[in-house]
Protein backbone atom coordinates (compact mmCIF):
# COMPACT_ATOMS: atom_id res chain seq x y z
CA MET A 1 171.66 125.44 168.83
CA LYS A 2 168.88 123.19 167.52
CA LEU A 3 166.94 121.22 170.06
CA PRO A 4 166.56 117.42 169.61
CA GLU A 5 163.22 116.39 168.02
CA TRP A 6 161.99 114.64 171.13
CA LEU A 7 162.59 117.83 173.08
CA GLU A 8 160.84 120.04 170.46
CA ASP A 9 157.84 117.61 170.53
CA GLY A 10 157.70 118.09 174.28
CA PHE A 11 157.54 121.82 173.89
CA LYS A 12 154.82 121.70 171.21
CA PHE A 13 152.35 119.71 173.39
CA PRO A 14 151.47 120.78 176.90
CA PHE A 15 151.59 117.26 178.27
CA PRO A 16 153.29 116.49 181.65
CA GLY A 17 155.86 114.57 179.65
CA TRP A 18 157.67 117.73 178.63
CA LYS A 19 158.76 118.33 182.20
CA ILE A 20 160.36 114.94 182.32
CA GLN A 21 162.07 115.61 178.98
CA LEU A 22 163.31 118.97 180.26
CA LEU A 23 164.74 117.38 183.40
CA ALA A 24 166.41 114.67 181.31
CA PHE A 25 167.86 117.34 179.01
CA VAL A 26 169.27 119.33 181.89
CA PHE A 27 170.58 116.16 183.50
CA LEU A 28 172.42 115.11 180.32
CA LEU A 29 173.79 118.59 179.88
CA GLY A 30 175.09 118.59 183.46
CA LEU A 31 176.56 115.13 182.90
CA ASN A 32 178.45 116.39 179.77
CA ILE A 33 179.74 119.47 181.57
CA GLY A 34 180.87 117.24 184.45
CA GLN A 35 182.81 115.00 182.07
CA CYS A 36 184.41 118.00 180.37
CA MET A 37 185.55 119.37 183.81
CA MET A 38 187.05 115.95 184.76
CA ILE A 39 188.99 115.80 181.49
CA CYS A 40 190.18 119.37 181.81
CA ASN A 41 191.34 118.78 185.40
CA LYS A 42 193.58 115.90 184.37
């Protein structure tokens, strides 16, 4: 699985921003899993 460019940039540079990007990535991932579970339960 290839990471999005904005996420890769966050890992390349040790700026505080990468933590925010990581949180956003995990949040979006959780959101997608939640939607899938809702669809599967119907």
